[in-house]
Amino acid sequence: MESHSEEMRINISPTTYQCLKDIPGFEFEARPKECLPAEFPQDTEGTCYFLNRYLHPSLPEGRCVEDHVAAGMAAVSGQ
């Protein structure tokens, strides 16, 4: 998967997308199936995605990405 991604982009598998898609704050961009490597199983449902950004819902958009990620991690760990 990584060898068929683009520089400085985070490639998300269909399975990972299913786990994250309903969590507020994640923004994804679908990748066309023709972008997948030839050896990618053709019977796999869904498509891959790029993770474009994450903004924690409780923080304003202008805050740095580190603050958003820290807020998200704190929420998951119950802090």
C-alpha atoms as a PDB file:
ATOM      1  CA  MET A   1       0.000   0.000   0.000  1.00  0.00           C
ATOM      2  CA  GLU A   2       2.672   2.496   0.989  1.00  0.00           C
ATOM      3  CA  SER A   3       4.589   2.060  -2.244  1.00  0.00           C
ATOM      4  CA  HIS A   4       1.483   3.145  -4.180  1.00  0.00           C
ATOM      5  CA  SER A   5       0.661   6.174  -2.061  1.00  0.00           C
ATOM      6  CA  GLU A   6       1.713   9.759  -2.672  1.00  0.00           C
ATOM      7  CA  GLU A   7       4.462  11.645  -0.882  1.00  0.00           C
ATOM      8  CA  MET A   8       3.434  13.297   2.388  1.00  0.00           C
ATOM      9  CA  ARG A   9      -0.033  11.690   2.318  1.00  0.00           C
ATOM     10  CA  ILE A  10      -1.500   9.146   4.732  1.00  0.00           C
ATOM     11  CA  ASN A  11      -3.086   6.228   2.913  1.00  0.00           C
ATOM     12  CA  ILE A  12      -5.982   4.569   4.778  1.00  0.00           C
ATOM     13  CA  SER A  13      -7.152   1.021   4.022  1.00  0.00           C
ATOM     14  CA  PRO A  14     -10.875   0.240   3.588  1.00  0.00           C
ATOM     15  CA  THR A  15     -10.848  -1.495   6.989  1.00  0.00           C
ATOM     16  CA  THR A  16      -9.256   1.468   8.770  1.00  0.00           C
ATOM     17  CA  TYR A  17     -11.673   3.827   7.045  1.00  0.00           C
ATOM     18  CA  GLN A  18     -14.622   1.798   8.369  1.00  0.00           C
ATOM     19  CA  CYS A  19     -13.217   2.132  11.907  1.00  0.00           C
ATOM     20  CA  LEU A  20     -12.689   5.909  11.686  1.00  0.00           C
ATOM     21  CA  LYS A  21     -15.391   7.253   9.372  1.00  0.00           C
ATOM     22  CA  ASP A  22     -17.990   7.877  12.070  1.00  0.00           C
ATOM     23  CA  ILE A  23     -15.625   9.600  14.497  1.00  0.00           C
ATOM     24  CA  PRO A  24     -16.107  13.369  14.294  1.00  0.00           C
ATOM     25  CA  GLY A  25     -13.126  15.369  13.075  1.00  0.00           C
ATOM     26  CA  PHE A  26     -11.598  13.042  10.482  1.00  0.00           C
ATOM     27  CA  GLU A  27     -11.662  14.145   6.842  1.00  0.00           C
ATOM     28  CA  PHE A  28     -10.952  11.631   4.074  1.00  0.00           C
ATOM     29  CA  GLU A  29     -10.571  11.639   0.314  1.00  0.00           C
ATOM     30  CA  ALA A  30     -11.524   8.490  -1.605  1.00  0.00           C
ATOM     31  CA  ARG A  31      -8.913   7.051  -3.960  1.00  0.00           C
ATOM     32  CA  PRO A  32      -9.973   5.483  -7.251  1.00  0.00           C
ATOM     33  CA  LYS A  33      -9.528   1.700  -7.467  1.00  0.00           C
ATOM     34  CA  GLU A  34      -7.126   2.154 -10.385  1.00  0.00           C
ATOM     35  CA  CYS A  35      -4.680   3.806  -7.949  1.00  0.00           C
ATOM     36  CA  LEU A  36      -4.352   0.544  -6.015  1.00  0.00           C
ATOM     37  CA  PRO A  37      -1.425  -1.807  -6.636  1.00  0.00           C
ATOM     38  CA  ALA A  38      -2.050  -4.643  -9.117  1.00  0.00           C
ATOM     39  CA  GLU A  39      -1.576  -7.215  -6.338  1.00  0.00           C
ATOM     40  CA  PHE A  40      -4.322  -5.630  -4.185  1.00  0.00           C
ATOM     41  CA  PRO A  41      -7.096  -8.233  -3.765  1.00  0.00           C
ATOM     42  CA  GLN A  42      -9.784  -7.381  -6.306  1.00  0.00           C
ATOM     43  CA  ASP A  43     -12.498  -8.920  -4.135  1.00  0.00           C
ATOM     44  CA  THR A  44     -11.847  -6.459  -1.285  1.00  0.00           C
ATOM     45  CA  GLU A  45     -14.878  -4.257  -0.881  1.00  0.00           C
ATOM     46  CA  GLY A  46     -14.524  -0.530  -0.599  1.00  0.00           C
ATOM     47  CA  THR A  47     -11.659   1.651  -1.615  1.00  0.00           C
ATOM     48  CA  CYS A  48      -8.646   3.248  -0.011  1.00  0.00           C
ATOM     49  CA  TYR A  49      -8.656   6.808   1.253  1.00  0.00           C
ATOM     50  CA  PHE A  50      -6.247   9.579   2.033  1.00  0.00           C
ATOM     51  CA  LEU A  51      -6.554  11.055   5.504  1.00  0.00           C
ATOM     52  CA  ASN A  52      -6.684  14.773   4.722  1.00  0.00           C
ATOM     53  CA  ARG A  53      -6.891  16.120   8.265  1.00  0.00           C
ATOM     54  CA  TYR A  54      -8.158  15.705  11.784  1.00  0.00           C
ATOM     55  CA  LEU A  55      -9.787  18.485  13.783  1.00  0.00           C
ATOM     56  CA  HIS A  56     -10.983  17.693  17.288  1.00  0.00           C
ATOM     57  CA  PRO A  57     -14.584  18.930  17.581  1.00  0.00           C
ATOM     58  CA  SER A  58     -13.932  20.813  20.849  1.00  0.00           C
ATOM     59  CA  LEU A  59     -11.086  22.947  19.467  1.00  0.00           C
ATOM     60  CA  PRO A  60     -11.221  25.846  17.009  1.00  0.00           C
ATOM     61  CA  GLU A  61      -9.904  25.188  13.521  1.00  0.00           C
ATOM     62  CA  GLY A  62      -7.014  27.646  13.959  1.00  0.00           C
ATOM     63  CA  ARG A  63      -5.241  25.555  16.621  1.00  0.00           C
ATOM     64  CA  CYS A  64      -2.178  23.558  15.574  1.00  0.00           C
ATOM     65  CA  VAL A  65      -2.591  19.931  14.530  1.00  0.00           C
ATOM     66  CA  GLU A  66      -0.656  18.758  17.610  1.00  0.00           C
ATOM     67  CA  ASP A  67      -3.348  20.278  19.866  1.00  0.00           C
ATOM     68  CA  HIS A  68      -6.110  18.535  17.923  1.00  0.00           C
ATOM     69  CA  VAL A  69      -4.342  15.167  18.077  1.00  0.00           C
ATOM     70  CA  ALA A  70      -3.586  15.587  21.804  1.00  0.00           C
ATOM     71  CA  ALA A  71      -7.259  16.403  22.477  1.00  0.00           C
ATOM     72  CA  GLY A  72      -8.354  13.340  20.513  1.00  0.00           C
ATOM     73  CA  MET A  73      -5.908  11.070  22.331  1.00  0.00           C
ATOM     74  CA  ALA A  74      -6.982  12.453  25.708  1.00  0.00           C
ATOM     75  CA  ALA A  75     -10.626  11.799  24.852  1.00  0.00           C
ATOM     76  CA  VAL A  76      -9.870   8.183  23.908  1.00  0.00           C
ATOM     77  CA  SER A  77      -7.852   7.552  27.052  1.00  0.00           C
ATOM     78  CA  GLY A  78     -10.539   9.171  29.244  1.00  0.00           C
ATOM     79  CA  GLN A  79      -8.401  12.050  30.522  1.00  0.00           C
END
